[in-house]
Each structure stands twice: as C-alpha cells, then as structure tokens.
Amino acid sequence: MLRATARPTALTILICGLAAGCTGVGVDPLGMEIVEDVSPVRPMPIEGLCVRIDTAVEPAFTDGLFETLRGLGFATQSMQTAFAGECPYWLRYEAAWSGFPRYLTFARFEVYEGSTRLGYATYDARSGGGRPDRFGPATGKVRPLLEGLFHHVARENAAAE
C-alpha cells in the first residue's frame, strides 16, 4: 500500500517560494521588477525650467527630455547657456542603458529651487531583465514620471497635458 506523506520537502518549499516570487531575502528571482518612484514638486508656479545637461547621457535622450518638458508646458533652456540668476528652478538628470537591443535601465530626475531639492522621479529597470516591457522608447517611460513629478505645478502652458 502506498502512503502519501503530508510533509513538504525542502526542495518543494524552495520551488514554491521561487514560483511565488517570495524568497524571503528581498530578491526578484525572475527579474521582473521595474521600480518607478516619484516624489512630486509641491503646488507652486514654475514657468521656466533650466536643465543641467549631462554630457555622459546620449544626446537623443537629452533632446527627448527637452521636448517632453516643453510638451508639459515648461519654457526650457540649458543651464550651461543661461546667465547667472536666470535659472531659479532647474532639473538635474542621469540615465543609463544596457542590453542588446539597448534599453533604458535607469533614469533619475531631480528638480531644484536654488540648492533646495523640490522633488524627484526615478525609473529603475536594473532588476527587470525578465520583463519584455523594458524595451521601447525611453520617452514612453520618462513622460509618465515627469507628469507625476510636476502634477501639482502651475505651468506657462497648463493645457499641454
């Protein structure tokens, strides 16, 4: 007579834990996590926004960033070409790509008034290697973050959204 045991083995527990995505150590074993984190700028008027150009980032990304900000209703200019005192509000960004085909793995945007950080937005797909939606144009990933970042801000052209 065969007798079934009700006691799970360690291998069974491990397989179930991995399949459920809970290993107990905070790791995404299937590479399925893309994190988007936004701390929005408080309600305030911002007409113009200077952008501190990161020369380590692909120029096409920077061009797309300027286009997105203008589409959200901001007058924009490069901080490097602005006169002293012309940029009370400014944005700093960084971005990184990896893989083949290349895809955006990380982007961070921080908005400042002088030296005071007003808000930030982060896109982090470094642990999202198993997700097919990691591919595609960076602007499709960046625009929703910037919309969230500036959601409460009165802009020059508020109808742009």
N, C-alpha and C. Protein backbone atom coordinates (compact mmCIF):
# COMPACT_ATOMS: atom_id res chain seq x y z
N MET A 1 0.83 -1.16 0.00
CA MET A 1 0.00 0.00 0.00
C MET A 1 0.89 1.24 0.00
N LEU A 2 0.58 2.15 -0.90
CA LEU A 2 1.32 3.40 -0.98
C LEU A 2 0.75 4.40 0.02
N ARG A 3 1.65 5.12 0.63
CA ARG A 3 1.19 6.09 1.61
C ARG A 3 1.76 7.46 1.24
N ALA A 4 0.88 8.44 1.12
CA ALA A 4 1.31 9.80 0.77
C ALA A 4 1.77 10.51 2.03
N THR A 5 2.87 11.23 1.90
CA THR A 5 3.34 11.99 3.05
C THR A 5 2.84 13.42 2.94
N ALA A 6 2.41 13.98 4.00
CA ALA A 6 1.89 15.35 4.02
C ALA A 6 2.99 16.35 4.36
N ARG A 7 4.18 15.87 4.60
CA ARG A 7 5.29 16.73 4.97
C ARG A 7 6.02 17.21 3.71
N PRO A 8 6.03 18.54 3.43
CA PRO A 8 6.73 19.02 2.23
C PRO A 8 8.24 18.93 2.41
N THR A 9 8.92 18.67 1.34
CA THR A 9 10.37 18.61 1.38
C THR A 9 10.93 20.02 1.20
N ALA A 10 12.18 20.18 1.52
CA ALA A 10 12.83 21.49 1.37
C ALA A 10 12.83 21.93 -0.09
N LEU A 11 13.01 21.01 -1.02
CA LEU A 11 13.00 21.34 -2.44
C LEU A 11 11.63 21.85 -2.86
N THR A 12 10.57 21.21 -2.38
CA THR A 12 9.21 21.65 -2.72
C THR A 12 8.97 23.07 -2.20
N ILE A 13 9.39 23.35 -1.00
CA ILE A 13 9.22 24.68 -0.42
C ILE A 13 10.00 25.71 -1.23
N LEU A 14 11.22 25.41 -1.61
CA LEU A 14 12.04 26.32 -2.39
C LEU A 14 11.41 26.61 -3.74
N ILE A 15 10.96 25.58 -4.44
CA ILE A 15 10.34 25.76 -5.76
C ILE A 15 9.08 26.59 -5.64
N CYS A 16 8.24 26.32 -4.66
CA CYS A 16 7.01 27.10 -4.48
C CYS A 16 7.34 28.55 -4.14
N GLY A 17 8.34 28.75 -3.32
CA GLY A 17 8.74 30.11 -2.95
C GLY A 17 9.25 30.90 -4.14
N LEU A 18 10.09 30.26 -4.97
CA LEU A 18 10.59 30.93 -6.16
C LEU A 18 9.48 31.22 -7.15
N ALA A 19 8.58 30.29 -7.34
CA ALA A 19 7.48 30.48 -8.27
C ALA A 19 6.56 31.60 -7.79
N ALA A 20 6.39 31.73 -6.49
CA ALA A 20 5.53 32.77 -5.93
C ALA A 20 6.26 34.11 -5.86
N GLY A 21 7.56 34.10 -6.07
CA GLY A 21 8.32 35.34 -6.05
C GLY A 21 8.69 35.79 -4.65
N CYS A 22 8.54 34.92 -3.66
CA CYS A 22 8.89 35.33 -2.29
C CYS A 22 9.97 34.41 -1.76
N THR A 23 11.19 34.91 -1.77
CA THR A 23 12.30 34.11 -1.28
C THR A 23 12.67 34.48 0.14
N GLY A 24 12.10 35.57 0.64
CA GLY A 24 12.40 35.98 2.00
C GLY A 24 13.66 36.81 2.12
N VAL A 25 14.36 37.08 1.03
CA VAL A 25 15.57 37.88 1.10
C VAL A 25 15.47 39.14 0.24
N GLY A 26 14.29 39.48 -0.23
CA GLY A 26 14.08 40.71 -0.98
C GLY A 26 14.69 40.68 -2.37
N VAL A 27 14.84 39.54 -2.97
CA VAL A 27 15.40 39.41 -4.30
C VAL A 27 14.28 39.09 -5.28
N ASP A 28 14.38 39.62 -6.47
CA ASP A 28 13.41 39.33 -7.52
C ASP A 28 14.02 38.22 -8.37
N PRO A 29 13.76 36.95 -8.04
CA PRO A 29 14.48 35.85 -8.70
C PRO A 29 14.17 35.70 -10.17
N LEU A 30 13.05 36.22 -10.62
CA LEU A 30 12.68 36.06 -12.03
C LEU A 30 13.02 37.30 -12.85
N GLY A 31 13.61 38.33 -12.25
CA GLY A 31 13.99 39.53 -12.98
C GLY A 31 12.78 40.27 -13.53
N MET A 32 11.76 40.45 -12.71
CA MET A 32 10.52 41.02 -13.20
C MET A 32 10.19 42.37 -12.57
N GLU A 33 11.11 42.99 -11.87
CA GLU A 33 10.78 44.21 -11.15
C GLU A 33 11.33 45.45 -11.85
N ILE A 34 10.41 46.38 -12.17
CA ILE A 34 10.77 47.71 -12.64
C ILE A 34 10.16 48.67 -11.62
N VAL A 35 11.00 49.51 -11.02
CA VAL A 35 10.56 50.40 -9.97
C VAL A 35 10.44 51.81 -10.53
N GLU A 36 9.29 52.43 -10.28
CA GLU A 36 9.07 53.84 -10.60
C GLU A 36 8.72 54.54 -9.30
N ASP A 37 9.50 55.52 -8.93
CA ASP A 37 9.32 56.22 -7.66
C ASP A 37 9.26 57.72 -7.94
N VAL A 38 8.20 58.37 -7.47
CA VAL A 38 8.03 59.80 -7.71
C VAL A 38 7.70 60.52 -6.39
N SER A 39 8.44 61.56 -6.12
CA SER A 39 8.13 62.48 -5.03
C SER A 39 7.83 63.83 -5.70
N PRO A 40 6.55 64.17 -5.89
CA PRO A 40 6.20 65.33 -6.71
C PRO A 40 6.59 66.67 -6.09
N VAL A 41 6.79 67.64 -6.96
CA VAL A 41 7.04 69.02 -6.56
C VAL A 41 5.74 69.56 -5.96
N ARG A 42 5.85 70.29 -4.87
CA ARG A 42 4.66 70.85 -4.22
C ARG A 42 3.94 71.83 -5.15
N PRO A 43 2.68 72.12 -4.87
CA PRO A 43 1.96 73.09 -5.71
C PRO A 43 2.64 74.46 -5.67
N MET A 44 3.00 74.94 -6.83
CA MET A 44 3.67 76.24 -6.97
C MET A 44 3.75 76.58 -8.46
N PRO A 45 3.88 77.83 -8.81
CA PRO A 45 4.04 78.17 -10.23
C PRO A 45 5.51 78.05 -10.65
N ILE A 46 5.74 77.38 -11.76
CA ILE A 46 7.08 77.30 -12.37
C ILE A 46 6.87 77.50 -13.86
N GLU A 47 7.31 78.65 -14.36
CA GLU A 47 7.15 78.91 -15.79
C GLU A 47 8.32 78.36 -16.59
N GLY A 48 9.52 78.63 -16.10
CA GLY A 48 10.71 78.22 -16.82
C GLY A 48 11.51 77.22 -16.02
N LEU A 49 12.17 76.34 -16.73
CA LEU A 49 12.95 75.29 -16.10
C LEU A 49 14.26 75.14 -16.87
N CYS A 50 15.36 75.34 -16.18
CA CYS A 50 16.66 75.11 -16.80
C CYS A 50 17.05 73.65 -16.58
N VAL A 51 17.75 73.09 -17.54
CA VAL A 51 18.16 71.69 -17.47
C VAL A 51 19.68 71.64 -17.45
N ARG A 52 20.23 71.02 -16.43
CA ARG A 52 21.68 70.82 -16.36
C ARG A 52 22.02 69.63 -17.24
N ILE A 53 22.66 69.89 -18.36
CA ILE A 53 22.97 68.86 -19.35
C ILE A 53 24.00 67.89 -18.79
N ASP A 54 23.69 66.61 -18.90
CA ASP A 54 24.64 65.55 -18.51
C ASP A 54 25.26 65.04 -19.81
N THR A 55 26.51 65.39 -20.04
CA THR A 55 27.17 65.02 -21.29
C THR A 55 27.46 63.53 -21.39
N ALA A 56 27.33 62.80 -20.28
CA ALA A 56 27.53 61.35 -20.31
C ALA A 56 26.31 60.62 -20.84
N VAL A 57 25.18 61.32 -20.96
CA VAL A 57 23.93 60.72 -21.42
C VAL A 57 23.80 60.95 -22.93
N GLU A 58 23.23 59.98 -23.62
CA GLU A 58 23.05 60.07 -25.07
C GLU A 58 22.31 61.36 -25.44
N PRO A 59 22.80 62.10 -26.45
CA PRO A 59 22.14 63.35 -26.85
C PRO A 59 20.67 63.16 -27.24
N ALA A 60 20.32 62.04 -27.81
CA ALA A 60 18.93 61.80 -28.19
C ALA A 60 18.01 61.78 -26.97
N PHE A 61 18.50 61.25 -25.85
CA PHE A 61 17.72 61.24 -24.61
C PHE A 61 17.52 62.66 -24.11
N THR A 62 18.60 63.45 -24.13
CA THR A 62 18.52 64.84 -23.69
C THR A 62 17.55 65.63 -24.55
N ASP A 63 17.62 65.45 -25.87
CA ASP A 63 16.69 66.12 -26.79
C ASP A 63 15.25 65.72 -26.47
N GLY A 64 15.03 64.44 -26.22
CA GLY A 64 13.69 63.96 -25.88
C GLY A 64 13.20 64.52 -24.55
N LEU A 65 14.11 64.70 -23.60
CA LEU A 65 13.77 65.29 -22.32
C LEU A 65 13.29 66.73 -22.49
N PHE A 66 14.04 67.51 -23.27
CA PHE A 66 13.64 68.90 -23.55
C PHE A 66 12.27 68.93 -24.23
N GLU A 67 12.07 68.07 -25.20
CA GLU A 67 10.79 68.01 -25.93
C GLU A 67 9.64 67.65 -24.98
N THR A 68 9.87 66.69 -24.10
CA THR A 68 8.84 66.28 -23.14
C THR A 68 8.51 67.42 -22.19
N LEU A 69 9.52 68.11 -21.67
CA LEU A 69 9.28 69.23 -20.75
C LEU A 69 8.51 70.35 -21.44
N ARG A 70 8.86 70.65 -22.69
CA ARG A 70 8.11 71.67 -23.44
C ARG A 70 6.67 71.22 -23.66
N GLY A 71 6.49 69.93 -23.95
CA GLY A 71 5.15 69.38 -24.13
C GLY A 71 4.31 69.44 -22.86
N LEU A 72 4.96 69.47 -21.71
CA LEU A 72 4.27 69.59 -20.43
C LEU A 72 4.01 71.05 -20.05
N GLY A 73 4.44 71.99 -20.92
CA GLY A 73 4.13 73.40 -20.70
C GLY A 73 5.24 74.23 -20.09
N PHE A 74 6.46 73.72 -20.04
CA PHE A 74 7.56 74.48 -19.47
C PHE A 74 8.38 75.15 -20.56
N ALA A 75 8.77 76.40 -20.31
CA ALA A 75 9.80 77.04 -21.12
C ALA A 75 11.11 76.44 -20.62
N THR A 76 11.94 75.95 -21.52
CA THR A 76 13.17 75.27 -21.11
C THR A 76 14.40 75.90 -21.76
N GLN A 77 15.51 75.74 -21.08
CA GLN A 77 16.80 76.09 -21.67
C GLN A 77 17.88 75.33 -20.94
N SER A 78 19.02 75.26 -21.58
CA SER A 78 20.17 74.58 -20.98
C SER A 78 20.76 75.47 -19.89
N MET A 79 21.06 74.88 -18.77
CA MET A 79 21.68 75.63 -17.68
C MET A 79 23.05 76.15 -18.09
N GLN A 80 23.73 75.42 -18.96
CA GLN A 80 25.07 75.81 -19.39
C GLN A 80 25.06 77.08 -20.24
N THR A 81 23.92 77.40 -20.88
CA THR A 81 23.85 78.60 -21.72
C THR A 81 23.12 79.75 -21.03
N ALA A 82 22.64 79.54 -19.83
CA ALA A 82 21.88 80.57 -19.11
C ALA A 82 22.82 81.54 -18.41
N PHE A 83 22.33 82.76 -18.20
CA PHE A 83 23.08 83.76 -17.46
C PHE A 83 22.89 83.53 -15.97
N ALA A 84 23.79 84.03 -15.17
CA ALA A 84 23.69 83.88 -13.71
C ALA A 84 22.36 84.46 -13.24
N GLY A 85 21.67 83.76 -12.38
CA GLY A 85 20.38 84.20 -11.85
C GLY A 85 19.20 83.93 -12.75
N GLU A 86 19.45 83.38 -13.92
CA GLU A 86 18.38 83.14 -14.89
C GLU A 86 17.65 81.81 -14.64
N CYS A 87 18.16 80.99 -13.73
CA CYS A 87 17.61 79.66 -13.51
C CYS A 87 17.23 79.43 -12.05
N PRO A 88 16.16 80.05 -11.57
CA PRO A 88 15.78 79.77 -10.18
C PRO A 88 15.32 78.32 -10.00
N TYR A 89 14.71 77.75 -11.04
CA TYR A 89 14.27 76.35 -11.00
C TYR A 89 15.06 75.58 -12.05
N TRP A 90 15.61 74.45 -11.62
CA TRP A 90 16.41 73.68 -12.57
C TRP A 90 16.26 72.19 -12.32
N LEU A 91 16.57 71.42 -13.36
CA LEU A 91 16.41 69.97 -13.32
C LEU A 91 17.76 69.31 -13.59
N ARG A 92 18.08 68.35 -12.78
CA ARG A 92 19.28 67.52 -12.96
C ARG A 92 18.80 66.12 -13.31
N TYR A 93 19.47 65.45 -14.22
CA TYR A 93 19.07 64.10 -14.61
C TYR A 93 20.28 63.22 -14.84
N GLU A 94 20.05 61.93 -14.80
CA GLU A 94 21.05 60.94 -15.19
C GLU A 94 20.29 59.77 -15.81
N ALA A 95 20.94 59.05 -16.67
CA ALA A 95 20.30 57.92 -17.33
C ALA A 95 21.36 56.90 -17.74
N ALA A 96 20.94 55.63 -17.79
CA ALA A 96 21.86 54.56 -18.19
C ALA A 96 21.10 53.53 -19.01
N TRP A 97 21.80 52.92 -19.95
CA TRP A 97 21.24 51.89 -20.81
C TRP A 97 22.08 50.63 -20.70
N SER A 98 21.47 49.50 -21.07
CA SER A 98 22.23 48.25 -21.17
C SER A 98 21.50 47.30 -22.09
N GLY A 99 22.11 46.13 -22.29
CA GLY A 99 21.49 45.07 -23.07
C GLY A 99 21.59 45.23 -24.57
N PHE A 100 21.14 44.19 -25.24
CA PHE A 100 21.00 44.21 -26.70
C PHE A 100 19.68 43.55 -27.04
N PRO A 101 18.76 44.25 -27.66
CA PRO A 101 18.89 45.66 -28.00
C PRO A 101 18.92 46.53 -26.75
N ARG A 102 19.55 47.70 -26.91
CA ARG A 102 19.71 48.61 -25.77
C ARG A 102 18.37 49.07 -25.25
N TYR A 103 18.28 49.16 -23.94
CA TYR A 103 17.06 49.67 -23.31
C TYR A 103 17.44 50.50 -22.09
N LEU A 104 16.55 51.41 -21.73
CA LEU A 104 16.77 52.28 -20.58
C LEU A 104 16.68 51.44 -19.31
N THR A 105 17.76 51.41 -18.54
CA THR A 105 17.75 50.64 -17.30
C THR A 105 17.58 51.53 -16.07
N PHE A 106 17.96 52.81 -16.19
CA PHE A 106 17.88 53.69 -15.03
C PHE A 106 17.76 55.13 -15.49
N ALA A 107 16.89 55.88 -14.86
CA ALA A 107 16.81 57.33 -15.09
C ALA A 107 16.37 57.98 -13.78
N ARG A 108 16.97 59.11 -13.48
CA ARG A 108 16.60 59.86 -12.27
C ARG A 108 16.55 61.33 -12.64
N PHE A 109 15.50 61.99 -12.15
CA PHE A 109 15.28 63.41 -12.38
C PHE A 109 15.08 64.08 -11.03
N GLU A 110 15.79 65.18 -10.81
CA GLU A 110 15.65 65.94 -9.57
C GLU A 110 15.42 67.40 -9.92
N VAL A 111 14.42 68.01 -9.27
CA VAL A 111 14.08 69.40 -9.51
C VAL A 111 14.52 70.22 -8.30
N TYR A 112 15.17 71.35 -8.57
CA TYR A 112 15.70 72.21 -7.53
C TYR A 112 15.20 73.64 -7.68
N GLU A 113 15.10 74.31 -6.53
CA GLU A 113 14.98 75.76 -6.49
C GLU A 113 16.24 76.22 -5.79
N GLY A 114 17.16 76.81 -6.54
CA GLY A 114 18.48 77.12 -5.99
C GLY A 114 19.17 75.82 -5.63
N SER A 115 19.50 75.64 -4.34
CA SER A 115 20.15 74.41 -3.91
C SER A 115 19.20 73.47 -3.16
N THR A 116 17.90 73.83 -3.10
CA THR A 116 16.92 73.03 -2.38
C THR A 116 16.19 72.08 -3.33
N ARG A 117 16.27 70.81 -3.05
CA ARG A 117 15.58 69.83 -3.89
C ARG A 117 14.08 69.90 -3.60
N LEU A 118 13.29 70.03 -4.67
CA LEU A 118 11.83 70.15 -4.54
C LEU A 118 11.12 68.82 -4.80
N GLY A 119 11.72 67.95 -5.57
CA GLY A 119 11.10 66.67 -5.89
C GLY A 119 12.01 65.83 -6.76
N TYR A 120 11.63 64.57 -6.93
CA TYR A 120 12.43 63.67 -7.77
C TYR A 120 11.54 62.60 -8.38
N ALA A 121 12.05 61.99 -9.43
CA ALA A 121 11.39 60.84 -10.06
C ALA A 121 12.48 59.88 -10.51
N THR A 122 12.24 58.58 -10.29
CA THR A 122 13.22 57.55 -10.63
C THR A 122 12.56 56.42 -11.39
N TYR A 123 13.24 55.96 -12.44
CA TYR A 123 12.85 54.76 -13.18
C TYR A 123 14.02 53.80 -13.05
N ASP A 124 13.77 52.60 -12.52
CA ASP A 124 14.85 51.65 -12.29
C ASP A 124 14.45 50.27 -12.79
N ALA A 125 15.01 49.88 -13.92
CA ALA A 125 14.73 48.56 -14.51
C ALA A 125 15.94 47.65 -14.41
N ARG A 126 16.88 47.96 -13.52
CA ARG A 126 18.08 47.12 -13.40
C ARG A 126 17.74 45.71 -12.94
N SER A 127 16.61 45.54 -12.25
CA SER A 127 16.17 44.20 -11.84
C SER A 127 15.02 43.71 -12.69
N GLY A 128 14.79 44.35 -13.83
CA GLY A 128 13.66 43.99 -14.68
C GLY A 128 14.06 43.27 -15.95
N GLY A 129 15.17 42.55 -15.92
CA GLY A 129 15.67 41.89 -17.11
C GLY A 129 14.73 40.87 -17.72
N GLY A 130 13.79 40.35 -16.95
CA GLY A 130 12.86 39.35 -17.46
C GLY A 130 11.57 39.94 -18.03
N ARG A 131 11.44 41.27 -18.03
CA ARG A 131 10.20 41.90 -18.49
C ARG A 131 10.35 42.39 -19.92
N PRO A 132 9.43 42.00 -20.79
CA PRO A 132 9.52 42.48 -22.17
C PRO A 132 9.22 43.97 -22.31
N ASP A 133 8.49 44.57 -21.37
CA ASP A 133 8.16 45.99 -21.49
C ASP A 133 9.34 46.89 -21.13
N ARG A 134 10.49 46.33 -20.81
CA ARG A 134 11.67 47.15 -20.56
C ARG A 134 12.19 47.75 -21.86
N PHE A 135 11.84 47.11 -22.99
CA PHE A 135 12.24 47.62 -24.30
C PHE A 135 11.28 48.73 -24.72
N GLY A 136 11.63 49.45 -25.73
CA GLY A 136 10.78 50.52 -26.23
C GLY A 136 11.42 51.87 -25.99
N PRO A 137 10.82 52.89 -26.57
CA PRO A 137 11.42 54.23 -26.46
C PRO A 137 11.47 54.73 -25.02
N ALA A 138 12.56 55.40 -24.69
CA ALA A 138 12.74 55.93 -23.35
C ALA A 138 11.68 56.98 -23.02
N THR A 139 11.25 57.75 -24.01
CA THR A 139 10.26 58.80 -23.74
C THR A 139 8.97 58.22 -23.20
N GLY A 140 8.61 57.01 -23.61
CA GLY A 140 7.40 56.38 -23.10
C GLY A 140 7.52 56.00 -21.63
N LYS A 141 8.71 55.87 -21.14
CA LYS A 141 8.95 55.55 -19.73
C LYS A 141 9.13 56.84 -18.92
N VAL A 142 9.72 57.85 -19.55
CA VAL A 142 10.06 59.10 -18.87
C VAL A 142 8.86 60.03 -18.72
N ARG A 143 8.05 60.15 -19.75
CA ARG A 143 6.94 61.12 -19.70
C ARG A 143 6.00 60.89 -18.51
N PRO A 144 5.54 59.66 -18.22
CA PRO A 144 4.67 59.48 -17.06
C PRO A 144 5.33 59.88 -15.74
N LEU A 145 6.64 59.67 -15.64
CA LEU A 145 7.36 60.08 -14.43
C LEU A 145 7.37 61.60 -14.28
N LEU A 146 7.65 62.29 -15.39
CA LEU A 146 7.68 63.75 -15.35
C LEU A 146 6.29 64.32 -15.12
N GLU A 147 5.27 63.69 -15.68
CA GLU A 147 3.90 64.13 -15.41
C GLU A 147 3.59 64.03 -13.92
N GLY A 148 4.01 62.95 -13.29
CA GLY A 148 3.81 62.78 -11.86
C GLY A 148 4.63 63.76 -11.04
N LEU A 149 5.85 64.01 -11.48
CA LEU A 149 6.75 64.92 -10.78
C LEU A 149 6.19 66.34 -10.75
N PHE A 150 5.61 66.78 -11.86
CA PHE A 150 5.12 68.15 -11.99
C PHE A 150 3.59 68.24 -11.92
N HIS A 151 2.94 67.23 -11.42
CA HIS A 151 1.48 67.16 -11.41
C HIS A 151 0.83 68.39 -10.77
N HIS A 152 1.38 68.89 -9.68
CA HIS A 152 0.78 70.00 -8.94
C HIS A 152 1.31 71.37 -9.34
N VAL A 153 2.21 71.41 -10.30
CA VAL A 153 2.88 72.66 -10.65
C VAL A 153 2.07 73.42 -11.70
N ALA A 154 1.86 74.72 -11.44
CA ALA A 154 1.23 75.59 -12.44
C ALA A 154 2.30 75.96 -13.45
N ARG A 155 1.99 75.76 -14.73
CA ARG A 155 2.97 76.00 -15.79
C ARG A 155 2.54 77.09 -16.72
N GLU A 156 3.47 77.49 -17.57
CA GLU A 156 3.23 78.52 -18.58
C GLU A 156 2.08 78.12 -19.50
N ASN A 157 2.02 76.83 -19.86
CA ASN A 157 1.01 76.34 -20.79
C ASN A 157 0.37 75.10 -20.19
N ALA A 158 -0.51 75.28 -19.20
CA ALA A 158 -1.11 74.17 -18.47
C ALA A 158 -1.97 73.28 -19.35
N ALA A 159 -2.41 73.75 -20.49
CA ALA A 159 -3.24 72.95 -21.38
C ALA A 159 -2.44 71.91 -22.14
N ALA A 160 -1.12 71.91 -21.98
CA ALA A 160 -0.25 70.99 -22.72
C ALA A 160 -0.50 69.54 -22.36
N GLU A 161 -0.98 69.27 -21.15
CA GLU A 161 -1.23 67.89 -20.75
C GLU A 161 -2.51 67.48 -21.35
